[in-house]
Amino acid sequence: MVSTFNEFALTIQSYPLDIVTLSETWLKNHKELLEYVSIPGYATEFRHRDVIKGGGVGAYIKESIKYKRRKDIEEVKPQLEHLWLEIPGKNRNSRLLLGVMYRSERILTPNVWLEHLEDLLSHILVTWDGLIVLTGDMNIDLLSPSNNAITNRYQSLLDIFNLQQVVTLPTRVTKSSSSLIDHIITNNSSRISSTGVIPCSIVSDHDGPFVCINVRAKRFQPRYKYIRNMKTFNELDFMFVFC
């Protein structure tokens, strides 16, 4: 984050991004350091590692966007590296719960991490009835062969909760390999109008997946019911009711 911050800021200025989520920020809770990585026009939220070097997650949010940090969700599974923001809307169809997560095997083994993720998703889906988007470097390659046990268990977990990972292009490409380890997951893929990957080689060895989300509330569509008035029944006695 610090060593390539100027390149990161340039990337942010080059694209019309409303919210940017980050994995592996490698930041600490130092005032001068956090001031250095600020970007005009954006509010910031970070969650740092306390002891072990590396890791960390964060988000840059345009100042025009109202949001609330959901530390209560983060405290449900503090063993996970995750951060959550609630972005309000006019109703449940237009509000958004946005998360960012980083999976490191230095912190949790894959199986334990998946168990915690399952518990977290269970909690969120019971307590939240709007749009959910979870982003992050999961370090699980969805382009890997189908006989990979961790990949299969991860995909099965998403399927159980009716969640969909919408990124389809590789997010980390080397001379000898390509992998899709940076994911964007949602509970309503119909609200995703487009998706892709932004080249970020000057910032990281990962490229940046993105989505465009339709957060507008659905317009009310009137429905008609035809109800027969049995008290004064004849062939022409019907009531028309909007629902």
Protein backbone atom coordinates (compact mmCIF):
# COMPACT_ATOMS: atom_id res chain seq x y z
CA MET A 1 0.00 0.00 0.00
CA VAL A 2 2.74 2.45 0.92
CA SER A 3 5.38 1.43 -1.60
CA THR A 4 3.00 1.74 -4.57
CA PHE A 5 0.60 4.37 -3.23
CA ASN A 6 1.32 6.97 -5.92
CA GLU A 7 0.58 4.38 -8.60
CA PHE A 8 -2.56 3.34 -6.75
CA ALA A 9 -3.79 6.94 -6.51
CA LEU A 10 -3.15 7.37 -10.25
CA THR A 11 -5.21 4.26 -10.98
CA ILE A 12 -8.09 5.57 -8.85
CA GLN A 13 -8.02 8.87 -10.76
CA SER A 14 -8.09 7.04 -14.10
CA TYR A 15 -11.40 5.23 -13.53
CA PRO A 16 -14.85 6.43 -12.33
CA LEU A 17 -14.82 4.27 -9.20
CA ASP A 18 -17.32 5.03 -6.44
CA ILE A 19 -15.96 2.50 -3.94
CA VAL A 20 -12.64 0.67 -3.95
CA THR A 21 -12.04 -2.29 -1.64
CA LEU A 22 -8.53 -3.53 -0.86
CA SER A 23 -6.93 -6.72 0.41
CA GLU A 24 -3.41 -6.92 1.83
CA THR A 25 -3.04 -3.25 2.68
CA TRP A 26 -0.06 -3.88 4.99
CA LEU A 27 -0.98 -0.80 7.02
CA LYS A 28 -0.83 -0.06 10.73
CA ASN A 29 -2.84 2.29 12.89
CA HIS A 30 -0.40 5.22 12.67
CA LYS A 31 -1.85 8.69 12.11
CA GLU A 32 0.89 9.91 9.76
CA LEU A 33 0.78 6.71 7.72
CA LEU A 34 -2.98 6.87 7.29
CA GLU A 35 -2.80 10.53 6.30
CA TYR A 36 -0.22 9.63 3.66
CA VAL A 37 -2.56 7.10 2.01
CA SER A 38 -5.57 9.43 1.95
CA ILE A 39 -7.01 10.47 -1.43
CA PRO A 40 -8.93 13.76 -1.87
CA GLY A 41 -12.64 13.17 -2.41
CA TYR A 42 -12.65 9.77 -0.70
CA ALA A 43 -13.37 8.66 2.86
CA THR A 44 -11.38 5.66 4.11
CA GLU A 45 -12.03 2.67 6.33
CA PHE A 46 -9.32 0.18 7.30
CA ARG A 47 -8.90 -2.88 9.45
CA HIS A 48 -5.29 -3.73 10.29
CA ARG A 49 -3.54 -6.73 11.75
CA ASP A 50 -2.51 -6.19 15.34
CA VAL A 51 0.59 -8.37 15.54
CA ILE A 52 1.45 -10.42 12.44
CA LYS A 53 3.02 -8.50 9.57
CA GLY A 54 1.07 -8.02 6.34
CA GLY A 55 -2.59 -8.59 5.60
CA GLY A 56 -5.25 -6.04 6.35
CA VAL A 57 -8.30 -4.85 4.42
CA GLY A 58 -9.69 -1.45 3.58
CA ALA A 59 -12.03 0.64 1.47
CA TYR A 60 -12.09 4.04 -0.21
CA ILE A 61 -15.59 5.54 -0.48
CA LYS A 62 -16.50 8.66 -2.44
CA GLU A 63 -17.44 11.42 -0.01
CA SER A 64 -20.79 11.87 -1.75
CA ILE A 65 -21.83 8.35 -0.69
CA LYS A 66 -23.39 7.93 2.75
CA TYR A 67 -22.39 4.78 4.57
CA LYS A 68 -22.09 3.17 7.99
CA ARG A 69 -19.28 0.90 9.18
CA ARG A 70 -20.75 -2.40 10.39
CA LYS A 71 -18.29 -3.43 13.06
CA ASP A 72 -20.99 -5.58 14.62
CA ILE A 73 -20.73 -7.92 11.63
CA GLU A 74 -16.93 -7.90 11.85
CA GLU A 75 -17.17 -8.92 15.50
CA VAL A 76 -19.31 -11.96 14.64
CA LYS A 77 -16.18 -13.68 13.32
CA PRO A 78 -13.15 -11.66 14.46
CA GLN A 79 -10.83 -14.48 13.34
CA LEU A 80 -11.56 -13.53 9.73
CA GLU A 81 -9.93 -10.53 8.05
CA HIS A 82 -13.03 -8.68 6.88
CA LEU A 83 -14.62 -5.24 6.85
CA TRP A 84 -18.27 -4.34 6.17
CA LEU A 85 -20.06 -1.18 5.06
CA GLU A 86 -23.80 -0.52 4.94
CA ILE A 87 -24.89 1.87 2.19
CA PRO A 88 -28.49 2.96 2.76
CA GLY A 89 -31.17 3.25 0.11
CA LYS A 90 -34.80 4.24 -0.11
CA ASN A 91 -35.89 0.68 0.70
CA ARG A 92 -34.48 -2.83 1.02
CA ASN A 93 -34.21 -3.13 -2.77
CA SER A 94 -31.81 -0.20 -3.03
CA ARG A 95 -29.62 -0.58 0.05
CA LEU A 96 -26.32 -2.43 -0.05
CA LEU A 97 -24.20 -4.39 2.40
CA LEU A 98 -20.64 -4.36 1.07
CA GLY A 99 -17.82 -6.47 2.46
CA VAL A 100 -14.14 -7.00 1.75
CA MET A 101 -12.20 -10.05 2.91
CA TYR A 102 -8.70 -11.49 2.73
CA ARG A 103 -7.85 -15.14 3.24
CA SER A 104 -4.38 -16.00 4.45
CA GLU A 105 -3.23 -19.46 5.48
CA ARG A 106 -0.89 -17.79 7.97
CA ILE A 107 -4.01 -16.97 9.98
CA LEU A 108 -6.38 -19.91 9.38
CA THR A 109 -6.17 -23.21 7.54
CA PRO A 110 -8.49 -23.47 4.51
CA ASN A 111 -10.97 -25.77 6.24
CA VAL A 112 -11.19 -23.64 9.38
CA TRP A 113 -11.53 -20.49 7.25
CA LEU A 114 -14.42 -22.07 5.33
CA GLU A 115 -16.14 -23.02 8.59
CA HIS A 116 -15.91 -19.43 9.82
CA LEU A 117 -17.10 -18.12 6.46
CA GLU A 118 -20.12 -20.42 6.59
CA ASP A 119 -21.05 -19.15 10.06
CA LEU A 120 -20.60 -15.54 8.96
CA LEU A 121 -22.74 -15.92 5.84
CA SER A 122 -25.44 -17.66 7.89
CA HIS A 123 -25.55 -14.70 10.25
CA ILE A 124 -25.63 -12.09 7.48
CA LEU A 125 -28.33 -13.78 5.41
CA VAL A 126 -30.57 -14.11 8.46
CA THR A 127 -30.17 -10.49 9.56
CA TRP A 128 -29.97 -8.66 6.20
CA ASP A 129 -32.65 -8.68 3.51
CA GLY A 130 -31.09 -6.35 0.92
CA LEU A 131 -28.36 -6.58 -1.67
CA ILE A 132 -25.08 -8.16 -0.52
CA VAL A 133 -21.72 -7.83 -2.29
CA LEU A 134 -18.60 -9.48 -0.85
CA THR A 135 -15.24 -8.73 -2.46
CA GLY A 136 -11.68 -9.79 -1.75
CA ASP A 137 -8.62 -11.91 -2.31
CA MET A 138 -9.87 -15.34 -1.28
CA ASN A 139 -6.76 -17.15 -2.59
CA ILE A 140 -9.02 -19.86 -4.00
CA ASP A 141 -8.57 -20.33 -7.73
CA LEU A 142 -11.90 -20.74 -9.46
CA LEU A 143 -10.12 -21.63 -12.69
CA SER A 144 -8.46 -24.63 -11.06
CA PRO A 145 -9.48 -28.23 -11.89
CA SER A 146 -12.77 -29.39 -10.46
CA ASN A 147 -11.05 -32.06 -8.35
CA ASN A 148 -9.56 -29.41 -6.04
CA ALA A 149 -11.19 -30.13 -2.67
CA ILE A 150 -10.98 -26.59 -1.25
CA THR A 151 -12.29 -25.01 -4.45
CA ASN A 152 -15.18 -27.48 -4.55
CA ARG A 153 -16.09 -26.91 -0.92
CA TYR A 154 -15.95 -23.13 -1.38
CA GLN A 155 -18.17 -23.27 -4.47
CA SER A 156 -20.59 -25.61 -2.72
CA LEU A 157 -20.81 -23.15 0.17
CA LEU A 158 -21.75 -20.33 -2.18
CA ASP A 159 -24.33 -22.56 -3.87
CA ILE A 160 -25.92 -23.51 -0.54
CA PHE A 161 -26.47 -19.83 0.29
CA ASN A 162 -27.62 -19.02 -3.25
CA LEU A 163 -24.63 -16.73 -3.80
CA GLN A 164 -22.86 -16.20 -7.10
CA GLN A 165 -19.26 -15.25 -7.86
CA VAL A 166 -19.50 -12.96 -10.91
CA VAL A 167 -15.86 -12.41 -11.99
CA THR A 168 -14.97 -14.64 -14.94
CA LEU A 169 -11.53 -13.39 -16.04
CA PRO A 170 -8.17 -14.20 -14.38
CA THR A 171 -7.08 -11.69 -11.76
CA ARG A 172 -3.47 -12.88 -11.37
CA VAL A 173 -1.45 -13.69 -14.47
CA THR A 174 2.19 -14.74 -14.65
CA LYS A 175 4.33 -16.03 -17.52
CA SER A 176 3.40 -19.60 -16.64
CA SER A 177 -0.06 -19.40 -15.04
CA SER A 178 -3.32 -17.53 -14.66
CA SER A 179 -5.74 -17.73 -11.76
CA LEU A 180 -9.00 -16.23 -10.55
CA ILE A 181 -8.40 -15.69 -6.85
CA ASP A 182 -9.97 -12.24 -6.37
CA HIS A 183 -13.73 -12.62 -6.17
CA ILE A 184 -16.89 -10.53 -6.17
CA ILE A 185 -19.83 -12.42 -4.68
CA THR A 186 -23.46 -11.33 -4.57
CA ASN A 187 -26.86 -12.62 -3.54
CA ASN A 188 -28.52 -10.96 -6.56
CA SER A 189 -26.55 -11.18 -9.78
CA SER A 190 -29.38 -9.53 -11.72
CA ARG A 191 -28.32 -6.24 -10.11
CA ILE A 192 -24.85 -6.52 -11.65
CA SER A 193 -25.01 -4.62 -14.93
CA SER A 194 -21.41 -5.31 -16.01
CA THR A 195 -18.14 -6.75 -14.75
CA GLY A 196 -14.52 -6.97 -15.84
CA VAL A 197 -10.90 -6.69 -14.71
CA ILE A 198 -8.80 -3.51 -14.60
CA PRO A 199 -5.06 -3.98 -15.35
CA CYS A 200 -3.12 -2.93 -12.25
CA SER A 201 0.42 -4.13 -12.91
CA ILE A 202 1.92 -0.85 -11.69
CA VAL A 203 0.21 -1.33 -8.33
CA SER A 204 0.18 -5.07 -7.63
CA ASP A 205 0.74 -8.54 -9.06
CA HIS A 206 -3.06 -8.84 -8.99
CA ASP A 207 -5.38 -7.05 -11.37
CA GLY A 208 -8.55 -5.39 -10.11
CA PRO A 209 -11.93 -7.00 -10.76
CA PHE A 210 -14.85 -4.57 -10.83
CA VAL A 211 -18.63 -4.58 -11.08
CA CYS A 212 -21.21 -1.95 -11.93
CA ILE A 213 -24.18 -2.31 -9.59
CA ASN A 214 -27.70 -1.06 -10.18
CA VAL A 215 -28.64 0.27 -6.74
CA ARG A 216 -31.83 2.03 -7.81
CA ALA A 217 -35.02 0.85 -6.23
CA LYS A 218 -37.32 -1.07 -8.53
CA ARG A 219 -40.28 0.92 -9.73
CA PHE A 220 -43.66 -0.22 -8.49
CA GLN A 221 -45.45 -2.19 -11.18
CA PRO A 222 -49.25 -2.21 -10.67
CA ARG A 223 -51.03 -5.54 -10.76
CA TYR A 224 -54.74 -6.03 -11.29
CA LYS A 225 -57.04 -8.42 -9.49
CA TYR A 226 -60.57 -9.11 -10.60
CA ILE A 227 -62.88 -9.75 -7.65
CA ARG A 228 -66.51 -10.74 -8.12
CA ASN A 229 -69.03 -8.96 -5.93
CA MET A 230 -71.15 -11.86 -4.70
CA LYS A 231 -73.71 -9.63 -2.91
CA THR A 232 -75.05 -8.13 -6.13
CA PHE A 233 -73.95 -10.87 -8.51
CA ASN A 234 -74.55 -10.59 -12.18
CA GLU A 235 -72.30 -11.04 -15.15
CA LEU A 236 -71.07 -7.42 -15.07
CA ASP A 237 -70.41 -6.98 -11.36
CA PHE A 238 -66.62 -6.96 -10.85
CA MET A 239 -64.30 -4.86 -8.73
CA PHE A 240 -60.87 -3.73 -10.00
CA VAL A 241 -58.20 -3.54 -7.34
CA PHE A 242 -54.59 -2.30 -7.51
CA CYS A 243 -52.08 -4.42 -5.58
